[in-house]
Amino acid sequence: MSFTTTLIVILGGALGTFLRYAVSVAALPISRSLPWGTILINISGSFLIGLFGTLTLASGRFPVSENVRLFVMIGICGGYTTFSSFSLQTLDLLRAGASLRAALNVGLSVVLCVAAVALGHVIAAHFNAGARQVAQLAIEEDA
């Protein structure tokens, strides 16, 4: 891990984070019953990592340097949504014929992440006068 590579990933992450915020803000008016901003971010980030990763393979039609791949796939997609990495890993398991492991990845990730949010909330509420609220602003729930 060189300084240059680290800087490239940091810059991509900053761009991805900004894009996540912009999409979340833009989606606020339609995010009353479901967190559409987050759903759109997860879907578009998953699409981007699959599209870019496949198109730019060294053996593919549109090869790019490893630093460009890191900028987009780890930096931008990582700052935009980690769901894209989760989706890519699940696809890799499915393509390898590991359907049970892919299903476990999906089930465990969703169930355990929701449980982790709940546990964090319960612990914090204990230290915060029994607070019931997690987010202060609508954008925090959608970002």
N, C-alpha and C. Protein backbone atom coordinates (compact mmCIF):
# COMPACT_ATOMS: atom_id res chain seq x y z
N MET A 1 0.86 -1.18 0.00
CA MET A 1 0.00 0.00 0.00
C MET A 1 0.90 1.23 0.00
N SER A 2 0.96 1.89 -1.13
CA SER A 2 1.80 3.07 -1.26
C SER A 2 1.02 4.33 -0.88
N PHE A 3 1.74 5.40 -0.66
CA PHE A 3 1.11 6.68 -0.34
C PHE A 3 0.22 7.13 -1.50
N THR A 4 0.69 6.97 -2.72
CA THR A 4 -0.08 7.38 -3.90
C THR A 4 -1.38 6.60 -4.00
N THR A 5 -1.30 5.29 -3.82
CA THR A 5 -2.50 4.45 -3.89
C THR A 5 -3.47 4.84 -2.77
N THR A 6 -2.96 5.06 -1.59
CA THR A 6 -3.80 5.46 -0.45
C THR A 6 -4.51 6.77 -0.76
N LEU A 7 -3.78 7.73 -1.31
CA LEU A 7 -4.37 9.02 -1.67
C LEU A 7 -5.45 8.87 -2.74
N ILE A 8 -5.21 8.01 -3.70
CA ILE A 8 -6.19 7.75 -4.76
C ILE A 8 -7.48 7.20 -4.17
N VAL A 9 -7.37 6.25 -3.25
CA VAL A 9 -8.55 5.66 -2.61
C VAL A 9 -9.27 6.70 -1.76
N ILE A 10 -8.51 7.51 -1.02
CA ILE A 10 -9.11 8.56 -0.19
C ILE A 10 -9.90 9.55 -1.05
N LEU A 11 -9.32 9.98 -2.15
CA LEU A 11 -10.02 10.93 -3.04
C LEU A 11 -11.29 10.31 -3.63
N GLY A 12 -11.19 9.05 -4.04
CA GLY A 12 -12.39 8.37 -4.55
C GLY A 12 -13.45 8.24 -3.47
N GLY A 13 -13.01 7.93 -2.26
CA GLY A 13 -13.95 7.81 -1.13
C GLY A 13 -14.66 9.12 -0.84
N ALA A 14 -13.91 10.23 -0.91
CA ALA A 14 -14.51 11.54 -0.69
C ALA A 14 -15.56 11.83 -1.76
N LEU A 15 -15.24 11.51 -3.01
CA LEU A 15 -16.19 11.72 -4.10
C LEU A 15 -17.43 10.84 -3.90
N GLY A 16 -17.22 9.58 -3.56
CA GLY A 16 -18.35 8.68 -3.32
C GLY A 16 -19.23 9.13 -2.17
N THR A 17 -18.61 9.64 -1.12
CA THR A 17 -19.36 10.13 0.04
C THR A 17 -20.20 11.34 -0.34
N PHE A 18 -19.61 12.24 -1.12
CA PHE A 18 -20.37 13.40 -1.58
C PHE A 18 -21.56 12.97 -2.45
N LEU A 19 -21.31 12.02 -3.36
CA LEU A 19 -22.39 11.54 -4.22
C LEU A 19 -23.50 10.89 -3.41
N ARG A 20 -23.14 10.13 -2.38
CA ARG A 20 -24.13 9.50 -1.51
C ARG A 20 -25.00 10.57 -0.84
N TYR A 21 -24.36 11.59 -0.33
CA TYR A 21 -25.10 12.68 0.31
C TYR A 21 -26.03 13.37 -0.69
N ALA A 22 -25.53 13.65 -1.89
CA ALA A 22 -26.33 14.34 -2.90
C ALA A 22 -27.56 13.52 -3.30
N VAL A 23 -27.38 12.22 -3.51
CA VAL A 23 -28.51 11.36 -3.88
C VAL A 23 -29.50 11.28 -2.71
N SER A 24 -28.99 11.18 -1.49
CA SER A 24 -29.86 11.12 -0.32
C SER A 24 -30.71 12.38 -0.20
N VAL A 25 -30.10 13.52 -0.38
CA VAL A 25 -30.83 14.79 -0.30
C VAL A 25 -31.87 14.86 -1.42
N ALA A 26 -31.48 14.49 -2.62
CA ALA A 26 -32.40 14.54 -3.76
C ALA A 26 -33.59 13.60 -3.56
N ALA A 27 -33.38 12.49 -2.87
CA ALA A 27 -34.45 11.49 -2.69
C ALA A 27 -35.33 11.76 -1.47
N LEU A 28 -34.99 12.73 -0.64
CA LEU A 28 -35.79 12.99 0.55
C LEU A 28 -37.29 13.17 0.27
N PRO A 29 -37.68 13.90 -0.77
CA PRO A 29 -39.11 14.09 -1.01
C PRO A 29 -39.89 12.79 -1.29
N ILE A 30 -39.22 11.77 -1.78
CA ILE A 30 -39.93 10.51 -2.08
C ILE A 30 -39.67 9.43 -1.03
N SER A 31 -38.94 9.78 0.02
CA SER A 31 -38.54 8.78 1.02
C SER A 31 -39.41 8.81 2.27
N ARG A 32 -40.69 8.88 2.10
CA ARG A 32 -41.59 8.93 3.25
C ARG A 32 -41.86 7.54 3.84
N SER A 33 -42.16 6.58 2.98
CA SER A 33 -42.53 5.25 3.48
C SER A 33 -41.37 4.26 3.42
N LEU A 34 -40.41 4.50 2.57
CA LEU A 34 -39.22 3.65 2.45
C LEU A 34 -38.01 4.55 2.25
N PRO A 35 -36.84 4.11 2.68
CA PRO A 35 -35.62 4.91 2.47
C PRO A 35 -35.14 4.80 1.02
N TRP A 36 -35.86 5.44 0.11
CA TRP A 36 -35.57 5.30 -1.30
C TRP A 36 -34.17 5.77 -1.67
N GLY A 37 -33.66 6.78 -0.98
CA GLY A 37 -32.30 7.23 -1.25
C GLY A 37 -31.30 6.10 -1.04
N THR A 38 -31.42 5.43 0.09
CA THR A 38 -30.52 4.31 0.39
C THR A 38 -30.71 3.17 -0.59
N ILE A 39 -31.95 2.87 -0.92
CA ILE A 39 -32.23 1.80 -1.88
C ILE A 39 -31.61 2.13 -3.23
N LEU A 40 -31.81 3.36 -3.69
CA LEU A 40 -31.23 3.78 -4.97
C LEU A 40 -29.71 3.77 -4.92
N ILE A 41 -29.14 4.20 -3.82
CA ILE A 41 -27.68 4.19 -3.65
C ILE A 41 -27.16 2.76 -3.70
N ASN A 42 -27.79 1.86 -2.97
CA ASN A 42 -27.34 0.47 -2.95
C ASN A 42 -27.45 -0.18 -4.32
N ILE A 43 -28.55 0.07 -5.01
CA ILE A 43 -28.73 -0.51 -6.34
C ILE A 43 -27.74 0.08 -7.33
N SER A 44 -27.63 1.41 -7.37
CA SER A 44 -26.73 2.03 -8.34
C SER A 44 -25.26 1.74 -8.02
N GLY A 45 -24.89 1.69 -6.75
CA GLY A 45 -23.52 1.34 -6.39
C GLY A 45 -23.19 -0.10 -6.77
N SER A 46 -24.14 -0.98 -6.56
CA SER A 46 -23.95 -2.38 -6.94
C SER A 46 -23.81 -2.50 -8.45
N PHE A 47 -24.65 -1.77 -9.17
CA PHE A 47 -24.56 -1.76 -10.63
C PHE A 47 -23.20 -1.23 -11.09
N LEU A 48 -22.77 -0.11 -10.50
CA LEU A 48 -21.51 0.50 -10.91
C LEU A 48 -20.32 -0.41 -10.66
N ILE A 49 -20.24 -1.06 -9.50
CA ILE A 49 -19.08 -1.91 -9.22
C ILE A 49 -19.07 -3.13 -10.14
N GLY A 50 -20.26 -3.66 -10.47
CA GLY A 50 -20.33 -4.79 -11.39
C GLY A 50 -19.96 -4.40 -12.81
N LEU A 51 -20.48 -3.26 -13.26
CA LEU A 51 -20.22 -2.78 -14.61
C LEU A 51 -18.75 -2.39 -14.77
N PHE A 52 -18.28 -1.52 -13.92
CA PHE A 52 -16.91 -1.02 -14.04
C PHE A 52 -15.89 -2.13 -13.82
N GLY A 53 -16.11 -2.94 -12.80
CA GLY A 53 -15.17 -4.02 -12.50
C GLY A 53 -15.01 -4.98 -13.65
N THR A 54 -16.10 -5.32 -14.29
CA THR A 54 -16.06 -6.27 -15.40
C THR A 54 -15.50 -5.63 -16.67
N LEU A 55 -15.93 -4.39 -16.96
CA LEU A 55 -15.47 -3.72 -18.18
C LEU A 55 -13.98 -3.43 -18.17
N THR A 56 -13.41 -3.20 -17.01
CA THR A 56 -12.03 -2.72 -16.95
C THR A 56 -11.02 -3.78 -16.52
N LEU A 57 -11.39 -5.04 -16.60
CA LEU A 57 -10.44 -6.11 -16.28
C LEU A 57 -9.22 -6.01 -17.19
N ALA A 58 -8.07 -6.38 -16.68
CA ALA A 58 -6.83 -6.33 -17.48
C ALA A 58 -6.97 -7.13 -18.76
N SER A 59 -7.75 -8.22 -18.72
CA SER A 59 -7.93 -9.08 -19.89
C SER A 59 -9.14 -8.68 -20.72
N GLY A 60 -9.80 -7.59 -20.35
CA GLY A 60 -11.03 -7.20 -21.03
C GLY A 60 -10.82 -6.20 -22.15
N ARG A 61 -11.93 -5.67 -22.64
CA ARG A 61 -11.92 -4.74 -23.76
C ARG A 61 -11.45 -3.35 -23.39
N PHE A 62 -11.68 -2.95 -22.15
CA PHE A 62 -11.39 -1.59 -21.71
C PHE A 62 -10.51 -1.59 -20.46
N PRO A 63 -9.31 -2.17 -20.56
CA PRO A 63 -8.48 -2.26 -19.36
C PRO A 63 -8.02 -0.87 -18.88
N VAL A 64 -7.97 -0.73 -17.56
CA VAL A 64 -7.43 0.50 -16.96
C VAL A 64 -6.41 0.08 -15.90
N SER A 65 -5.66 1.03 -15.41
CA SER A 65 -4.65 0.72 -14.40
C SER A 65 -5.32 0.28 -13.10
N GLU A 66 -4.56 -0.42 -12.28
CA GLU A 66 -5.08 -0.87 -10.99
C GLU A 66 -5.45 0.33 -10.13
N ASN A 67 -4.72 1.44 -10.24
CA ASN A 67 -5.06 2.63 -9.45
C ASN A 67 -6.42 3.20 -9.85
N VAL A 68 -6.75 3.16 -11.14
CA VAL A 68 -8.07 3.64 -11.57
C VAL A 68 -9.15 2.71 -11.02
N ARG A 69 -8.90 1.42 -11.07
CA ARG A 69 -9.87 0.46 -10.51
C ARG A 69 -10.05 0.71 -9.01
N LEU A 70 -8.98 0.92 -8.29
CA LEU A 70 -9.07 1.18 -6.85
C LEU A 70 -9.81 2.49 -6.58
N PHE A 71 -9.55 3.51 -7.41
CA PHE A 71 -10.24 4.79 -7.26
C PHE A 71 -11.75 4.62 -7.36
N VAL A 72 -12.19 3.86 -8.36
CA VAL A 72 -13.63 3.69 -8.59
C VAL A 72 -14.22 2.63 -7.66
N MET A 73 -13.64 1.44 -7.63
CA MET A 73 -14.28 0.32 -6.93
C MET A 73 -14.15 0.39 -5.41
N ILE A 74 -13.01 0.80 -4.91
CA ILE A 74 -12.83 0.90 -3.46
C ILE A 74 -13.15 2.31 -3.00
N GLY A 75 -12.63 3.30 -3.71
CA GLY A 75 -12.85 4.69 -3.32
C GLY A 75 -14.28 5.15 -3.53
N ILE A 76 -14.67 5.33 -4.78
CA ILE A 76 -16.01 5.87 -5.07
C ILE A 76 -17.10 4.93 -4.56
N CYS A 77 -17.05 3.67 -4.97
CA CYS A 77 -18.11 2.74 -4.55
C CYS A 77 -18.09 2.52 -3.04
N GLY A 78 -16.90 2.47 -2.44
CA GLY A 78 -16.81 2.28 -1.00
C GLY A 78 -17.35 3.47 -0.22
N GLY A 79 -17.10 4.69 -0.72
CA GLY A 79 -17.65 5.87 -0.08
C GLY A 79 -19.13 6.02 -0.37
N TYR A 80 -19.54 5.56 -1.52
CA TYR A 80 -20.94 5.68 -1.93
C TYR A 80 -21.80 4.64 -1.23
N THR A 81 -21.35 3.40 -1.22
CA THR A 81 -22.09 2.33 -0.56
C THR A 81 -21.21 1.10 -0.42
N THR A 82 -21.19 0.51 0.78
CA THR A 82 -20.49 -0.76 0.91
C THR A 82 -21.37 -1.91 0.43
N PHE A 83 -22.62 -1.61 0.15
CA PHE A 83 -23.52 -2.64 -0.35
C PHE A 83 -23.03 -3.17 -1.69
N SER A 84 -22.33 -2.32 -2.43
CA SER A 84 -21.80 -2.76 -3.72
C SER A 84 -20.79 -3.88 -3.54
N SER A 85 -19.93 -3.78 -2.53
CA SER A 85 -18.96 -4.84 -2.25
C SER A 85 -19.68 -6.12 -1.82
N PHE A 86 -20.65 -5.97 -0.95
CA PHE A 86 -21.46 -7.11 -0.50
C PHE A 86 -22.11 -7.80 -1.70
N SER A 87 -22.67 -7.01 -2.61
CA SER A 87 -23.34 -7.58 -3.78
C SER A 87 -22.36 -8.31 -4.69
N LEU A 88 -21.18 -7.71 -4.89
CA LEU A 88 -20.15 -8.34 -5.72
C LEU A 88 -19.68 -9.65 -5.11
N GLN A 89 -19.46 -9.67 -3.80
CA GLN A 89 -19.02 -10.89 -3.13
C GLN A 89 -20.09 -11.98 -3.22
N THR A 90 -21.35 -11.58 -3.09
CA THR A 90 -22.44 -12.56 -3.19
C THR A 90 -22.52 -13.12 -4.61
N LEU A 91 -22.38 -12.26 -5.61
CA LEU A 91 -22.37 -12.73 -7.01
C LEU A 91 -21.22 -13.71 -7.23
N ASP A 92 -20.03 -13.38 -6.70
CA ASP A 92 -18.87 -14.28 -6.85
C ASP A 92 -19.16 -15.65 -6.24
N LEU A 93 -19.81 -15.68 -5.08
CA LEU A 93 -20.18 -16.96 -4.46
C LEU A 93 -21.16 -17.73 -5.35
N LEU A 94 -22.16 -17.03 -5.88
CA LEU A 94 -23.15 -17.69 -6.75
C LEU A 94 -22.48 -18.23 -8.01
N ARG A 95 -21.61 -17.45 -8.61
CA ARG A 95 -20.94 -17.88 -9.83
C ARG A 95 -20.00 -19.04 -9.59
N ALA A 96 -19.50 -19.16 -8.36
CA ALA A 96 -18.61 -20.27 -8.00
C ALA A 96 -19.41 -21.51 -7.63
N GLY A 97 -20.74 -21.41 -7.71
CA GLY A 97 -21.59 -22.56 -7.39
C GLY A 97 -21.83 -22.73 -5.90
N ALA A 98 -21.51 -21.72 -5.11
CA ALA A 98 -21.67 -21.80 -3.66
C ALA A 98 -22.98 -21.13 -3.25
N SER A 99 -24.09 -21.69 -3.72
CA SER A 99 -25.40 -21.09 -3.48
C SER A 99 -25.74 -21.01 -1.99
N LEU A 100 -25.42 -22.03 -1.24
CA LEU A 100 -25.71 -22.01 0.19
C LEU A 100 -24.89 -20.93 0.89
N ARG A 101 -23.61 -20.81 0.53
CA ARG A 101 -22.78 -19.77 1.13
C ARG A 101 -23.26 -18.38 0.73
N ALA A 102 -23.74 -18.24 -0.50
CA ALA A 102 -24.28 -16.95 -0.94
C ALA A 102 -25.54 -16.60 -0.14
N ALA A 103 -26.40 -17.58 0.04
CA ALA A 103 -27.62 -17.36 0.83
C ALA A 103 -27.28 -17.03 2.28
N LEU A 104 -26.30 -17.72 2.83
CA LEU A 104 -25.86 -17.41 4.19
C LEU A 104 -25.28 -16.00 4.27
N ASN A 105 -24.52 -15.62 3.26
CA ASN A 105 -23.96 -14.27 3.23
C ASN A 105 -25.07 -13.23 3.26
N VAL A 106 -26.09 -13.43 2.44
CA VAL A 106 -27.22 -12.50 2.39
C VAL A 106 -27.97 -12.50 3.72
N GLY A 107 -28.36 -13.67 4.17
CA GLY A 107 -29.15 -13.78 5.39
C GLY A 107 -28.41 -13.25 6.61
N LEU A 108 -27.18 -13.70 6.78
CA LEU A 108 -26.40 -13.26 7.93
C LEU A 108 -26.12 -11.77 7.89
N SER A 109 -25.79 -11.25 6.71
CA SER A 109 -25.50 -9.83 6.60
C SER A 109 -26.71 -8.98 6.97
N VAL A 110 -27.85 -9.32 6.42
CA VAL A 110 -29.06 -8.53 6.71
C VAL A 110 -29.47 -8.68 8.16
N VAL A 111 -29.61 -9.90 8.62
CA VAL A 111 -30.09 -10.14 9.99
C VAL A 111 -29.10 -9.59 11.02
N LEU A 112 -27.82 -9.89 10.85
CA LEU A 112 -26.84 -9.45 11.84
C LEU A 112 -26.62 -7.94 11.81
N CYS A 113 -26.70 -7.33 10.65
CA CYS A 113 -26.54 -5.87 10.59
C CYS A 113 -27.73 -5.17 11.24
N VAL A 114 -28.93 -5.66 10.98
CA VAL A 114 -30.11 -5.07 11.64
C VAL A 114 -30.02 -5.31 13.16
N ALA A 115 -29.59 -6.50 13.56
CA ALA A 115 -29.41 -6.79 14.99
C ALA A 115 -28.34 -5.90 15.60
N ALA A 116 -27.26 -5.64 14.87
CA ALA A 116 -26.19 -4.78 15.37
C ALA A 116 -26.67 -3.35 15.56
N VAL A 117 -27.48 -2.85 14.62
CA VAL A 117 -28.06 -1.52 14.77
C VAL A 117 -28.94 -1.48 16.01
N ALA A 118 -29.76 -2.50 16.18
CA ALA A 118 -30.65 -2.55 17.35
C ALA A 118 -29.86 -2.62 18.65
N LEU A 119 -28.83 -3.46 18.70
CA LEU A 119 -28.01 -3.59 19.90
C LEU A 119 -27.29 -2.28 20.22
N GLY A 120 -26.72 -1.65 19.21
CA GLY A 120 -26.07 -0.35 19.42
C GLY A 120 -27.05 0.67 19.96
N HIS A 121 -28.25 0.66 19.42
CA HIS A 121 -29.29 1.58 19.89
C HIS A 121 -29.64 1.31 21.34
N VAL A 122 -29.84 0.05 21.70
CA VAL A 122 -30.20 -0.30 23.08
C VAL A 122 -29.11 0.13 24.06
N ILE A 123 -27.87 -0.14 23.71
CA ILE A 123 -26.76 0.24 24.59
C ILE A 123 -26.68 1.75 24.73
N ALA A 124 -26.76 2.46 23.60
CA ALA A 124 -26.69 3.92 23.65
C ALA A 124 -27.87 4.51 24.40
N ALA A 125 -29.06 3.94 24.22
CA ALA A 125 -30.25 4.43 24.92
C ALA A 125 -30.08 4.29 26.43
N HIS A 126 -29.44 3.22 26.85
CA HIS A 126 -29.17 3.01 28.29
C HIS A 126 -28.36 4.16 28.86
N PHE A 127 -27.38 4.64 28.10
CA PHE A 127 -26.51 5.72 28.55
C PHE A 127 -27.04 7.11 28.19
N ASN A 128 -28.17 7.16 27.50
CA ASN A 128 -28.72 8.43 27.03
C ASN A 128 -30.17 8.59 27.47
N ALA A 129 -30.42 8.35 28.73
CA ALA A 129 -31.74 8.57 29.35
C ALA A 129 -32.88 7.86 28.61
N GLY A 130 -32.62 6.66 28.13
CA GLY A 130 -33.67 5.88 27.47
C GLY A 130 -34.12 6.43 26.14
N ALA A 131 -33.26 7.14 25.44
CA ALA A 131 -33.62 7.74 24.14
C ALA A 131 -34.21 6.70 23.21
N ARG A 132 -35.26 7.09 22.49
CA ARG A 132 -35.89 6.19 21.54
C ARG A 132 -35.47 6.52 20.11
N GLN A 133 -35.00 7.72 19.91
CA GLN A 133 -34.62 8.20 18.58
C GLN A 133 -33.19 7.77 18.26
N VAL A 134 -32.94 7.47 17.02
CA VAL A 134 -31.58 7.16 16.58
C VAL A 134 -31.05 8.31 15.73
N ALA A 135 -31.81 8.70 14.73
CA ALA A 135 -31.40 9.79 13.84
C ALA A 135 -32.05 11.09 14.27
N GLN A 136 -31.34 12.18 14.06
CA GLN A 136 -31.88 13.50 14.39
C GLN A 136 -32.54 14.14 13.18
N LEU A 137 -31.99 13.88 12.01
CA LEU A 137 -32.48 14.47 10.77
C LEU A 137 -32.86 13.34 9.81
N ALA A 138 -33.81 13.60 8.94
CA ALA A 138 -34.23 12.59 7.97
C ALA A 138 -33.05 12.13 7.11
N ILE A 139 -32.13 13.03 6.81
CA ILE A 139 -30.99 12.70 5.94
C ILE A 139 -30.09 11.66 6.62
N GLU A 140 -30.04 11.63 7.94
CA GLU A 140 -29.19 10.67 8.63
C GLU A 140 -29.69 9.24 8.43
N GLU A 141 -30.99 9.06 8.34
CA GLU A 141 -31.54 7.74 8.12
C GLU A 141 -31.40 7.31 6.66
N ASP A 142 -31.28 8.26 5.78
CA ASP A 142 -31.23 7.96 4.36
C ASP A 142 -29.81 8.01 3.81
N ALA A 143 -28.86 8.37 4.63
CA ALA A 143 -27.48 8.52 4.15
C ALA A 143 -26.63 7.32 4.46
